PDB file of N, CA and C in Angstrom:
ATOM      1  N   MET A   1     -14.296   6.453   3.866  1.00  0.00           N
ATOM      2  CA  MET A   1     -13.424   6.769   2.512  1.00  0.00           C
ATOM      3  C   MET A   1     -14.545   5.941   1.413  1.00  0.00           C
ATOM      4  N   GLY A   2     -14.600   6.823   0.464  1.00  0.00           N
ATOM      5  CA  GLY A   2     -15.383   6.176  -0.689  1.00  0.00           C
ATOM      6  C   GLY A   2     -14.440   5.183  -1.661  1.00  0.00           C
ATOM      7  N   SER A   3     -15.128   4.961  -2.532  1.00  0.00           N
ATOM      8  CA  SER A   3     -14.495   3.828  -3.523  1.00  0.00           C
ATOM      9  C   SER A   3     -13.256   4.768  -4.391  1.00  0.00           C
ATOM     10  N   THR A   4     -12.335   4.839  -3.833  1.00  0.00           N
ATOM     11  CA  THR A   4     -11.079   5.470  -4.631  1.00  0.00           C
ATOM     12  C   THR A   4     -10.441   4.574  -5.020  1.00  0.00           C
ATOM     13  N   GLU A   5     -10.001   4.521  -6.212  1.00  0.00           N
ATOM     14  CA  GLU A   5      -9.136   3.742  -7.193  1.00  0.00           C
ATOM     15  C   GLU A   5      -7.705   3.424  -6.647  1.00  0.00           C
ATOM     16  N   MET A   6      -7.254   2.301  -6.437  1.00  0.00           N
ATOM     17  CA  MET A   6      -6.081   1.993  -5.712  1.00  0.00           C
ATOM     18  C   MET A   6      -5.021   2.041  -6.988  1.00  0.00           C
ATOM     19  N   PHE A   7      -3.726   2.180  -6.540  1.00  0.00           N
ATOM     20  CA  PHE A   7      -2.698   1.726  -7.616  1.00  0.00           C
ATOM     21  C   PHE A   7      -2.740   0.447  -7.922  1.00  0.00           C
ATOM     22  N   LYS A   8      -1.908   0.165  -9.176  1.00  0.00           N
ATOM     23  CA  LYS A   8      -1.612  -1.402  -9.238  1.00  0.00           C
ATOM     24  C   LYS A   8      -0.334  -1.754  -8.596  1.00  0.00           C
ATOM     25  N   PRO A   9      -0.129  -2.595  -7.463  1.00  0.00           N
ATOM     26  CA  PRO A   9       1.125  -2.793  -6.995  1.00  0.00           C
ATOM     27  C   PRO A   9       2.403  -2.949  -7.903  1.00  0.00           C
ATOM     28  N   PHE A  10       3.496  -2.489  -7.131  1.00  0.00           N
ATOM     29  CA  PHE A  10       4.845  -2.471  -7.872  1.00  0.00           C
ATOM     30  C   PHE A  10       4.922  -2.036  -9.498  1.00  0.00           C
ATOM     31  N   GLU A  11       3.834  -1.031  -9.615  1.00  0.00           N
ATOM     32  CA  GLU A  11       4.095  -0.446 -11.036  1.00  0.00           C
ATOM     33  C   GLU A  11       4.104   0.985 -10.899  1.00  0.00           C
ATOM     34  N   HIS A  12       4.943   1.460 -11.642  1.00  0.00           N
ATOM     35  CA  HIS A  12       5.198   3.055 -11.756  1.00  0.00           C
ATOM     36  C   HIS A  12       5.960   3.567 -10.540  1.00  0.00           C
ATOM     37  N   GLY A  13       5.518   3.146  -9.349  1.00  0.00           N
ATOM     38  CA  GLY A  13       6.184   3.566  -8.167  1.00  0.00           C
ATOM     39  C   GLY A  13       5.956   5.170  -7.805  1.00  0.00           C
ATOM     40  N   ASP A  14       6.280   5.503  -6.618  1.00  0.00           N
ATOM     41  CA  ASP A  14       5.618   6.843  -6.206  1.00  0.00           C
ATOM     42  C   ASP A  14       4.374   7.083  -6.354  1.00  0.00           C
ATOM     43  N   GLU A  15       3.650   6.268  -6.222  1.00  0.00           N
ATOM     44  CA  GLU A  15       2.078   6.439  -6.068  1.00  0.00           C
ATOM     45  C   GLU A  15       1.629   6.052  -4.535  1.00  0.00           C
ATOM     46  N   SER A  16       0.571   6.751  -4.063  1.00  0.00           N
ATOM     47  CA  SER A  16      -0.116   6.322  -3.100  1.00  0.00           C
ATOM     48  C   SER A  16      -1.494   6.557  -2.940  1.00  0.00           C
ATOM     49  N   SER A  17      -2.132   5.708  -1.885  1.00  0.00           N
ATOM     50  CA  SER A  17      -3.409   5.664  -1.601  1.00  0.00           C
ATOM     51  C   SER A  17      -3.547   5.723  -0.270  1.00  0.00           C
ATOM     52  N   SER A  18      -4.807   5.998   0.220  1.00  0.00           N
ATOM     53  CA  SER A  18      -5.071   5.878   1.635  1.00  0.00           C
ATOM     54  C   SER A  18      -6.475   5.085   1.795  1.00  0.00           C
ATOM     55  N   ILE A  19      -6.735   4.679   2.835  1.00  0.00           N
ATOM     56  CA  ILE A  19      -7.859   4.160   3.713  1.00  0.00           C
ATOM     57  C   ILE A  19      -7.769   4.631   5.132  1.00  0.00           C
ATOM     58  N   GLU A  20      -8.830   5.708   5.182  1.00  0.00           N
ATOM     59  CA  GLU A  20      -8.701   6.441   6.578  1.00  0.00           C
ATOM     60  C   GLU A  20      -7.261   7.038   6.838  1.00  0.00           C
ATOM     61  N   ASP A  21      -6.829   6.544   7.733  1.00  0.00           N
ATOM     62  CA  ASP A  21      -5.246   7.226   8.063  1.00  0.00           C
ATOM     63  C   ASP A  21      -4.169   6.244   7.829  1.00  0.00           C
ATOM     64  N   LEU A  22      -4.572   5.109   7.201  1.00  0.00           N
ATOM     65  CA  LEU A  22      -3.852   3.873   6.477  1.00  0.00           C
ATOM     66  C   LEU A  22      -3.151   4.437   5.202  1.00  0.00           C
ATOM     67  N   THR A  23      -1.612   4.588   5.010  1.00  0.00           N
ATOM     68  CA  THR A  23      -1.217   4.778   3.665  1.00  0.00           C
ATOM     69  C   THR A  23      -0.621   3.599   3.147  1.00  0.00           C
ATOM     70  N   LEU A  24      -0.946   3.560   1.824  1.00  0.00           N
ATOM     71  CA  LEU A  24      -0.363   2.545   1.186  1.00  0.00           C
ATOM     72  C   LEU A  24       0.389   3.121  -0.003  1.00  0.00           C
ATOM     73  N   GLU A  25       1.687   2.879  -0.033  1.00  0.00           N
ATOM     74  CA  GLU A  25       2.659   3.637  -1.009  1.00  0.00           C
ATOM     75  C   GLU A  25       3.332   2.658  -1.963  1.00  0.00           C
ATOM     76  N   ASN A  26       3.152   2.994  -3.191  1.00  0.00           N
ATOM     77  CA  ASN A  26       3.902   2.170  -4.195  1.00  0.00           C
ATOM     78  C   ASN A  26       5.364   2.403  -4.441  1.00  0.00           C
ATOM     79  N   GLN A  27       6.024   1.126  -4.553  1.00  0.00           N
ATOM     80  CA  GLN A  27       7.369   1.386  -5.331  1.00  0.00           C
ATOM     81  C   GLN A  27       7.496   0.182  -6.286  1.00  0.00           C
ATOM     82  N   VAL A  28       8.557   0.479  -7.046  1.00  0.00           N
ATOM     83  CA  VAL A  28       8.682  -0.841  -8.035  1.00  0.00           C
ATOM     84  C   VAL A  28       8.954  -2.033  -7.309  1.00  0.00           C
ATOM     85  N   ASP A  29       9.558  -2.034  -6.180  1.00  0.00           N
ATOM     86  CA  ASP A  29      10.171  -3.406  -5.596  1.00  0.00           C
ATOM     87  C   ASP A  29       9.465  -3.387  -4.367  1.00  0.00           C
ATOM     88  N   CYS A  30       8.526  -2.632  -3.694  1.00  0.00           N
ATOM     89  CA  CYS A  30       8.041  -2.916  -2.623  1.00  0.00           C
ATOM     90  C   CYS A  30       6.625  -2.145  -2.615  1.00  0.00           C
ATOM     91  N   VAL A  31       5.811  -2.551  -1.609  1.00  0.00           N
ATOM     92  CA  VAL A  31       4.621  -1.731  -1.310  1.00  0.00           C
ATOM     93  C   VAL A  31       4.704  -1.550   0.276  1.00  0.00           C
ATOM     94  N   ASN A  32       4.598  -0.139   0.604  1.00  0.00           N
ATOM     95  CA  ASN A  32       4.675   0.315   2.141  1.00  0.00           C
ATOM     96  C   ASN A  32       3.557   0.483   2.718  1.00  0.00           C
ATOM     97  N   VAL A  33       2.974  -0.256   3.786  1.00  0.00           N
ATOM     98  CA  VAL A  33       1.877   0.353   4.685  1.00  0.00           C
ATOM     99  C   VAL A  33       2.220   0.586   5.799  1.00  0.00           C
ATOM    100  N   TYR A  34       1.636   2.109   6.083  1.00  0.00           N
ATOM    101  CA  TYR A  34       1.689   2.427   7.427  1.00  0.00           C
ATOM    102  C   TYR A  34       0.647   3.504   7.770  1.00  0.00           C
ATOM    103  N   GLY A  35       0.729   3.606   9.164  1.00  0.00           N
ATOM    104  CA  GLY A  35      -0.534   4.342   9.730  1.00  0.00           C
ATOM    105  C   GLY A  35      -1.388   3.544  10.602  1.00  0.00           C
ATOM    106  N   ASN A  36      -2.397   4.213  10.760  1.00  0.00           N
ATOM    107  CA  ASN A  36      -3.365   3.563  11.495  1.00  0.00           C
ATOM    108  C   ASN A  36      -4.798   3.479  10.820  1.00  0.00           C
ATOM    109  N   LEU A  37      -5.616   1.967  11.047  1.00  0.00           N
ATOM    110  CA  LEU A  37      -6.875   2.089  10.583  1.00  0.00           C
ATOM    111  C   LEU A  37      -7.728   1.397  11.608  1.00  0.00           C
ATOM    112  N   GLN A  38      -8.607   2.075  11.935  1.00  0.00           N
ATOM    113  CA  GLN A  38      -9.532   1.465  13.238  1.00  0.00           C
ATOM    114  C   GLN A  38     -10.840   0.819  12.268  1.00  0.00           C
ATOM    115  N   ILE A  39     -10.966  -0.494  12.443  1.00  0.00           N
ATOM    116  CA  ILE A  39     -12.004  -1.247  11.929  1.00  0.00           C
ATOM    117  C   ILE A  39     -13.225  -1.578  12.941  1.00  0.00           C
ATOM    118  N   THR A  40     -13.995  -0.685  12.808  1.00  0.00           N
ATOM    119  CA  THR A  40     -15.091  -0.984  13.729  1.00  0.00           C
ATOM    120  C   THR A  40     -16.140  -1.787  13.417  1.00  0.00           C
ATOM    121  N   LYS A  41     -16.917  -2.331  14.576  1.00  0.00           N
ATOM    122  CA  LYS A  41     -17.948  -3.761  14.419  1.00  0.00           C
ATOM    123  C   LYS A  41     -19.063  -2.864  13.762  1.00  0.00           C
ATOM    124  N   ASP A  42     -19.203  -2.331  12.586  1.00  0.00           N
ATOM    125  CA  ASP A  42     -20.365  -1.988  12.003  1.00  0.00           C
ATOM    126  C   ASP A  42     -20.097  -1.654  10.471  1.00  0.00           C
ATOM    127  N   GLN A  43     -21.053  -1.203   9.831  1.00  0.00           N
ATOM    128  CA  GLN A  43     -21.071  -1.371   8.230  1.00  0.00           C
ATOM    129  C   GLN A  43     -19.680  -0.626   7.815  1.00  0.00           C
ATOM    130  N   HIS A  44     -19.549   0.514   8.334  1.00  0.00           N
ATOM    131  CA  HIS A  44     -18.552   1.257   7.815  1.00  0.00           C
ATOM    132  C   HIS A  44     -17.073   0.560   8.230  1.00  0.00           C
ATOM    133  N   GLY A  45     -16.962  -0.244   9.171  1.00  0.00           N
ATOM    134  CA  GLY A  45     -15.779  -0.981   9.478  1.00  0.00           C
ATOM    135  C   GLY A  45     -15.580  -1.929   8.412  1.00  0.00           C
ATOM    136  N   LEU A  46     -16.979  -2.567   8.294  1.00  0.00           N
ATOM    137  CA  LEU A  46     -16.876  -3.525   6.993  1.00  0.00           C
ATOM    138  C   LEU A  46     -16.488  -3.106   5.759  1.00  0.00           C
ATOM    139  N   GLN A  47     -17.056  -2.140   5.536  1.00  0.00           N
ATOM    140  CA  GLN A  47     -16.550  -1.442   4.180  1.00  0.00           C
ATOM    141  C   GLN A  47     -15.026  -1.147   4.209  1.00  0.00           C
ATOM    142  N   LEU A  48     -14.220  -0.562   5.107  1.00  0.00           N
ATOM    143  CA  LEU A  48     -13.034  -0.353   5.429  1.00  0.00           C
ATOM    144  C   LEU A  48     -12.308  -1.549   4.943  1.00  0.00           C
ATOM    145  N   VAL A  49     -12.514  -2.765   5.811  1.00  0.00           N
ATOM    146  CA  VAL A  49     -11.711  -3.851   5.728  1.00  0.00           C
ATOM    147  C   VAL A  49     -12.005  -4.536   4.565  1.00  0.00           C
ATOM    148  N   LYS A  50     -13.029  -4.548   3.822  1.00  0.00           N
ATOM    149  CA  LYS A  50     -12.989  -5.040   2.602  1.00  0.00           C
ATOM    150  C   LYS A  50     -12.430  -4.537   1.692  1.00  0.00           C
ATOM    151  N   GLN A  51     -12.138  -2.822   1.712  1.00  0.00           N
ATOM    152  CA  GLN A  51     -11.504  -2.198   0.657  1.00  0.00           C
ATOM    153  C   GLN A  51     -10.000  -2.609   0.792  1.00  0.00           C
ATOM    154  N   LEU A  52      -9.572  -3.042   1.999  1.00  0.00           N
ATOM    155  CA  LEU A  52      -8.128  -3.195   2.718  1.00  0.00           C
ATOM    156  C   LEU A  52      -7.864  -4.676   2.012  1.00  0.00           C
ATOM    157  N   GLN A  53      -8.979  -5.382   2.083  1.00  0.00           N
ATOM    158  CA  GLN A  53      -8.861  -7.002   1.591  1.00  0.00           C
ATOM    159  C   GLN A  53      -8.496  -6.950   0.080  1.00  0.00           C
ATOM    160  N   THR A  54      -9.357  -6.139  -0.515  1.00  0.00           N
ATOM    161  CA  THR A  54      -9.311  -6.076  -2.198  1.00  0.00           C
ATOM    162  C   THR A  54      -7.866  -5.540  -2.515  1.00  0.00           C
ATOM    163  N   PHE A  55      -7.241  -4.518  -1.672  1.00  0.00           N
ATOM    164  CA  PHE A  55      -5.929  -4.223  -2.089  1.00  0.00           C
ATOM    165  C   PHE A  55      -4.714  -5.098  -1.780  1.00  0.00           C
ATOM    166  N   ILE A  56      -4.974  -5.914  -0.543  1.00  0.00           N
ATOM    167  CA  ILE A  56      -4.173  -6.708  -0.265  1.00  0.00           C
ATOM    168  C   ILE A  56      -4.329  -8.087  -1.337  1.00  0.00           C
ATOM    169  N   ASN A  57      -5.366  -8.460  -1.569  1.00  0.00           N
ATOM    170  CA  ASN A  57      -5.490  -9.695  -2.671  1.00  0.00           C
ATOM    171  C   ASN A  57      -4.822  -9.132  -3.982  1.00  0.00           C
ATOM    172  N   SER A  58      -4.866  -7.905  -4.411  1.00  0.00           N
ATOM    173  CA  SER A  58      -4.206  -7.336  -5.630  1.00  0.00           C
ATOM    174  C   SER A  58      -2.654  -7.719  -5.377  1.00  0.00           C
ATOM    175  N   ILE A  59      -2.205  -7.386  -4.002  1.00  0.00           N
ATOM    176  CA  ILE A  59      -0.861  -7.630  -4.037  1.00  0.00           C
ATOM    177  C   ILE A  59      -0.431  -9.154  -4.133  1.00  0.00           C
ATOM    178  N   VAL A  60      -1.268  -9.912  -3.626  1.00  0.00           N
ATOM    179  CA  VAL A  60      -0.944 -11.634  -3.613  1.00  0.00           C
ATOM    180  C   VAL A  60      -1.108 -11.689  -5.197  1.00  0.00           C
ATOM    181  N   THR A  61      -1.989 -11.295  -5.752  1.00  0.00           N
ATOM    182  CA  THR A  61      -2.137 -11.933  -7.358  1.00  0.00           C
ATOM    183  C   THR A  61      -0.770 -11.468  -7.996  1.00  0.00           C
ATOM    184  N   GLU A  62      -0.580 -10.127  -7.954  1.00  0.00           N
ATOM    185  CA  GLU A  62       0.710  -9.876  -8.535  1.00  0.00           C
ATOM    186  C   GLU A  62       1.978 -10.442  -8.240  1.00  0.00           C
ATOM    187  N   LEU A  63       2.295 -10.741  -7.044  1.00  0.00           N
ATOM    188  CA  LEU A  63       3.454 -11.620  -6.468  1.00  0.00           C
ATOM    189  C   LEU A  63       3.331 -12.867  -7.060  1.00  0.00           C
ATOM    190  N   GLU A  64       2.239 -13.584  -7.186  1.00  0.00           N
ATOM    191  CA  GLU A  64       1.970 -14.828  -7.648  1.00  0.00           C
ATOM    192  C   GLU A  64       2.371 -15.079  -9.225  1.00  0.00           C
ATOM    193  N   LYS A  65       2.177 -13.917  -9.981  1.00  0.00           N
ATOM    194  CA  LYS A  65       2.289 -13.933 -11.280  1.00  0.00           C
ATOM    195  C   LYS A  65       3.850 -14.586 -11.811  1.00  0.00           C
ATOM    196  N   GLN A  66       4.817 -14.140 -11.251  1.00  0.00           N
ATOM    197  CA  GLN A  66       6.082 -14.576 -11.373  1.00  0.00           C
ATOM    198  C   GLN A  66       6.980 -15.253 -10.534  1.00  0.00           C
ATOM    199  N   PRO A  67       7.880 -15.843 -10.868  1.00  0.00           N
ATOM    200  CA  PRO A  67       9.085 -16.592  -9.949  1.00  0.00           C
ATOM    201  C   PRO A  67       9.517 -15.342  -9.263  1.00  0.00           C
ATOM    202  N   LEU A  68       9.683 -15.572  -7.943  1.00  0.00           N
ATOM    203  CA  LEU A  68      10.276 -14.616  -6.916  1.00  0.00           C
ATOM    204  C   LEU A  68      11.544 -15.144  -6.496  1.00  0.00           C
ATOM    205  N   PRO A  69      12.564 -13.982  -6.035  1.00  0.00           N
ATOM    206  CA  PRO A  69      13.560 -14.434  -5.224  1.00  0.00           C
ATOM    207  C   PRO A  69      13.197 -14.667  -3.888  1.00  0.00           C
ATOM    208  N   GLU A  70      14.237 -15.374  -3.173  1.00  0.00           N
ATOM    209  CA  GLU A  70      13.766 -15.673  -1.807  1.00  0.00           C
ATOM    210  C   GLU A  70      13.991 -14.192  -0.884  1.00  0.00           C
ATOM    211  N   LYS A  71      14.660 -13.137  -1.455  1.00  0.00           N
ATOM    212  CA  LYS A  71      14.566 -11.947  -0.379  1.00  0.00           C
ATOM    213  C   LYS A  71      15.410 -11.221  -1.454  1.00  0.00           C
ATOM    214  N   ILE A  72      14.752  -9.609  -1.488  1.00  0.00           N
ATOM    215  CA  ILE A  72      15.701  -8.805  -2.202  1.00  0.00           C
ATOM    216  C   ILE A  72      16.180  -7.797  -1.328  1.00  0.00           C
ATOM    217  N   GLN A  73      17.320  -6.915  -1.756  1.00  0.00           N
ATOM    218  CA  GLN A  73      17.869  -6.094  -0.845  1.00  0.00           C
ATOM    219  C   GLN A  73      16.892  -4.657  -1.297  1.00  0.00           C
ATOM    220  N   ILE A  74      16.501  -4.040  -0.472  1.00  0.00           N
ATOM    221  CA  ILE A  74      15.682  -2.766  -0.686  1.00  0.00           C
ATOM    222  C   ILE A  74      16.988  -1.768  -0.477  1.00  0.00           C
ATOM    223  N   LYS A  75      16.732  -0.948  -1.397  1.00  0.00           N
ATOM    224  CA  LYS A  75      17.941   0.372  -1.434  1.00  0.00           C
ATOM    225  C   LYS A  75      17.229   1.259  -0.444  1.00  0.00           C
ATOM    226  N   PRO A  76      18.220   1.764   0.397  1.00  0.00           N
ATOM    227  CA  PRO A  76      17.676   2.743   1.583  1.00  0.00           C
ATOM    228  C   PRO A  76      17.320   4.053   0.842  1.00  0.00           C
ATOM    229  N   GLU A  77      16.244   4.790   1.503  1.00  0.00           N
ATOM    230  CA  GLU A  77      15.931   5.924   0.939  1.00  0.00           C
ATOM    231  C   GLU A  77      16.703   7.063   0.895  1.00  0.00           C
ATOM    232  N   GLN A  78      17.116   7.799   0.202  1.00  0.00           N
ATOM    233  CA  GLN A  78      17.908   8.833   0.318  1.00  0.00           C
ATOM    234  C   GLN A  78      17.243  10.042   1.123  1.00  0.00           C
ATOM    235  N   GLU A  79      18.005  10.519   2.148  1.00  0.00           N
ATOM    236  CA  GLU A  79      17.312  11.456   3.071  1.00  0.00           C
ATOM    237  C   GLU A  79      17.714  12.743   2.098  1.00  0.00           C
ATOM    238  N   ILE A  80      16.711  13.640   2.117  1.00  0.00           N
ATOM    239  CA  ILE A  80      16.811  15.040   1.403  1.00  0.00           C
ATOM    240  C   ILE A  80      16.524  16.161   2.566  1.00  0.00           C
ATOM    241  N   ASP A  81      17.355  16.994   2.507  1.00  0.00           N
ATOM    242  CA  ASP A  81      17.535  18.163   3.550  1.00  0.00           C
ATOM    243  C   ASP A  81      16.096  18.960   3.438  1.00  0.00           C
ATOM    244  N   ASN A  82      15.362  19.137   4.391  1.00  0.00           N
ATOM    245  CA  ASN A  82      14.165  19.657   4.278  1.00  0.00           C
ATOM    246  C   ASN A  82      14.554  21.533   4.374  1.00  0.00           C
ATOM    247  N   PRO A  83      14.338  22.021   3.048  1.00  0.00           N
ATOM    248  CA  PRO A  83      14.510  23.471   2.821  1.00  0.00           C
ATOM    249  C   PRO A  83      13.707  24.271   3.726  1.00  0.00           C
ATOM    250  N   PHE A  84      12.751  23.755   4.104  1.00  0.00           N
ATOM    251  CA  PHE A  84      11.788  24.810   5.335  1.00  0.00           C
ATOM    252  C   PHE A  84      12.648  24.760   6.637  1.00  0.00           C
ATOM    253  N   LEU A  85      13.617  23.991   7.041  1.00  0.00           N
ATOM    254  CA  LEU A  85      14.143  23.970   8.183  1.00  0.00           C
ATOM    255  C   LEU A  85      15.141  25.164   8.380  1.00  0.00           C
TER     256      LEU A  85
END
């Protein structure tokens, strides 16, 4: 993956970015990370892990900016019927 701009964590919601097959999904109260990322022992693997590190560091920076509650309650996502089924 090239140098794709990542979203700012916890801002705007409903944004997503990806690093290979790893999806990073933004919400206003959480960031979801799911999928697969193979970090190989080569220059490409180093580039991928640095991209992930930069993104993780941005989450840490954002969380450290303000006092945080011990644990928040995440609202369950509402399931929507698939109109194609």
